C-alpha atoms as a PDB file:
ATOM      1  CA  UNK A   1       0.015  -0.002   0.004  1.00  0.00           C
ATOM      2  CA  UNK A   2       1.362   3.419  -0.921  1.00  0.00           C
ATOM      3  CA  UNK A   3       1.913   6.227   1.542  1.00  0.00           C
ATOM      4  CA  UNK A   4      -1.247   8.190   0.684  1.00  0.00           C
ATOM      5  CA  UNK A   5      -3.614   5.194   0.770  1.00  0.00           C
ATOM      6  CA  UNK A   6      -2.002   4.015   4.025  1.00  0.00           C
ATOM      7  CA  UNK A   7      -2.436   7.450   5.574  1.00  0.00           C
ATOM      8  CA  UNK A   8      -6.100   7.437   4.483  1.00  0.00           C
ATOM      9  CA  UNK A   9      -6.488   3.974   6.044  1.00  0.00           C
ATOM     10  CA  UNK A  10      -5.130   5.258   9.358  1.00  0.00           C
ATOM     11  CA  UNK A  11      -7.437   8.294   9.188  1.00  0.00           C
ATOM     12  CA  UNK A  12     -10.415   6.011   8.570  1.00  0.00           C
ATOM     13  CA  UNK A  13      -9.538   3.961  11.643  1.00  0.00           C
ATOM     14  CA  UNK A  14      -9.367   7.136  13.699  1.00  0.00           C
ATOM     15  CA  UNK A  15     -12.720   8.207  12.311  1.00  0.00           C
ATOM     16  CA  UNK A  16     -14.311   4.918  13.257  1.00  0.00           C
ATOM     17  CA  UNK A  17     -12.891   5.217  16.769  1.00  0.00           C
ATOM     18  CA  UNK A  18     -14.370   8.717  17.001  1.00  0.00           C
ATOM     19  CA  UNK A  19     -17.770   7.449  15.865  1.00  0.00           C
ATOM     20  CA  UNK A  20     -17.673   4.667  18.448  1.00  0.00           C
ATOM     21  CA  UNK A  21     -16.692   7.190  21.161  1.00  0.00           C
ATOM     22  CA  UNK A  22     -19.754   9.249  20.232  1.00  0.00           C
ATOM     23  CA  UNK A  23     -21.900   6.119  20.388  1.00  0.00           C
ATOM     24  CA  UNK A  24     -20.495   5.270  23.831  1.00  0.00           C
ATOM     25  CA  UNK A  25     -21.356   8.757  25.059  1.00  0.00           C
ATOM     26  CA  UNK A  26     -24.955   8.405  23.898  1.00  0.00           C
ATOM     27  CA  UNK A  27     -25.239   4.941  25.444  1.00  0.00           C
ATOM     28  CA  UNK A  28     -23.853   6.250  28.768  1.00  0.00           C
ATOM     29  CA  UNK A  29     -26.494   9.026  28.847  1.00  0.00           C
ATOM     30  CA  UNK A  30     -29.195   6.502  27.984  1.00  0.00           C
ATOM     31  CA  UNK A  31     -27.996   4.155  30.744  1.00  0.00           C
ATOM     32  CA  UNK A  32     -28.131   7.036  33.248  1.00  0.00           C
ATOM     33  CA  UNK A  33     -31.673   7.883  32.251  1.00  0.00           C
ATOM     34  CA  UNK A  34     -32.785   4.250  32.309  1.00  0.00           C
ATOM     35  CA  UNK A  35     -31.198   3.759  35.724  1.00  0.00           C
ATOM     36  CA  UNK A  36     -33.225   6.634  37.117  1.00  0.00           C
ATOM     37  CA  UNK A  37     -36.416   5.268  35.524  1.00  0.00           C
ATOM     38  CA  UNK A  38     -35.855   1.726  36.739  1.00  0.00           C
ATOM     39  CA  UNK A  39     -35.136   2.885  40.295  1.00  0.00           C
ATOM     40  CA  UNK A  40     -38.106   5.228  40.303  1.00  0.00           C
ATOM     41  CA  UNK A  41     -40.554   2.401  40.789  1.00  0.00           C
ATOM     42  CA  UNK A  42     -43.056   3.804  38.338  1.00  0.00           C
ATOM     43  CA  UNK A  43     -45.205   1.798  35.934  1.00  0.00           C
ATOM     44  CA  UNK A  44     -42.366   1.558  33.400  1.00  0.00           C
ATOM     45  CA  UNK A  45     -39.646   0.592  35.878  1.00  0.00           C
ATOM     46  CA  UNK A  46     -39.546  -3.066  34.824  1.00  0.00           C
ATOM     47  CA  UNK A  47     -39.295  -2.179  31.151  1.00  0.00           C
ATOM     48  CA  UNK A  48     -36.611   0.399  31.912  1.00  0.00           C
ATOM     49  CA  UNK A  49     -34.638  -2.271  33.803  1.00  0.00           C
ATOM     50  CA  UNK A  50     -34.723  -4.559  30.768  1.00  0.00           C
ATOM     51  CA  UNK A  51     -33.703  -1.750  28.440  1.00  0.00           C
ATOM     52  CA  UNK A  52     -30.933  -0.804  30.863  1.00  0.00           C
ATOM     53  CA  UNK A  53     -29.454  -4.316  30.656  1.00  0.00           C
ATOM     54  CA  UNK A  54     -29.513  -4.167  26.848  1.00  0.00           C
ATOM     55  CA  UNK A  55     -27.995  -0.726  26.824  1.00  0.00           C
ATOM     56  CA  UNK A  56     -25.199  -1.730  29.223  1.00  0.00           C
ATOM     57  CA  UNK A  57     -24.462  -4.735  27.013  1.00  0.00           C
ATOM     58  CA  UNK A  58     -24.216  -2.464  23.951  1.00  0.00           C
ATOM     59  CA  UNK A  59     -22.020  -0.041  25.865  1.00  0.00           C
ATOM     60  CA  UNK A  60     -19.690  -2.877  26.890  1.00  0.00           C
ATOM     61  CA  UNK A  61     -19.421  -4.104  23.272  1.00  0.00           C
ATOM     62  CA  UNK A  62     -18.781  -0.561  22.059  1.00  0.00           C
ATOM     63  CA  UNK A  63     -16.015  -0.001  24.588  1.00  0.00           C
ATOM     64  CA  UNK A  64     -14.429  -3.297  23.670  1.00  0.00           C
ATOM     65  CA  UNK A  65     -14.541  -2.342  19.987  1.00  0.00           C
ATOM     66  CA  UNK A  66     -12.878   1.002  20.770  1.00  0.00           C
ATOM     67  CA  UNK A  67     -10.033  -0.671  22.656  1.00  0.00           C
ATOM     68  CA  UNK A  68      -9.511  -3.238  19.897  1.00  0.00           C
ATOM     69  CA  UNK A  69      -9.461  -0.540  17.218  1.00  0.00           C
ATOM     70  CA  UNK A  70      -6.972   1.490  19.244  1.00  0.00           C
ATOM     71  CA  UNK A  71      -4.661  -1.534  19.491  1.00  0.00           C
ATOM     72  CA  UNK A  72      -5.058  -2.162  15.772  1.00  0.00           C
ATOM     73  CA  UNK A  73      -4.317   1.478  14.993  1.00  0.00           C
ATOM     74  CA  UNK A  74      -1.095   1.409  17.022  1.00  0.00           C
ATOM     75  CA  UNK A  75      -0.064  -1.853  15.343  1.00  0.00           C
ATOM     76  CA  UNK A  76      -0.714  -0.448  11.865  1.00  0.00           C
ATOM     77  CA  UNK A  77       0.980   2.851  12.597  1.00  0.00           C
ATOM     78  CA  UNK A  78       4.203   1.028  13.513  1.00  0.00           C
ATOM     79  CA  UNK A  79       4.330  -0.538  10.055  1.00  0.00           C
END
């Protein structure tokens, strides 16, 4: 791969990491809101608790993907 395409490849990895960071931020805010709803004891508390579990699972997967992409980026940058 030439220098310009390789640079573009690295930039695309950084862009994907940035997108995933934004996604993680949204999921964190959603988890905070769902936590409050599930602890509120209202009529939707049980549903909020289920959604909270799903959201936390998605957040965990997103954070794992970010870490893996960061490792991959460092590995590729060394080449």
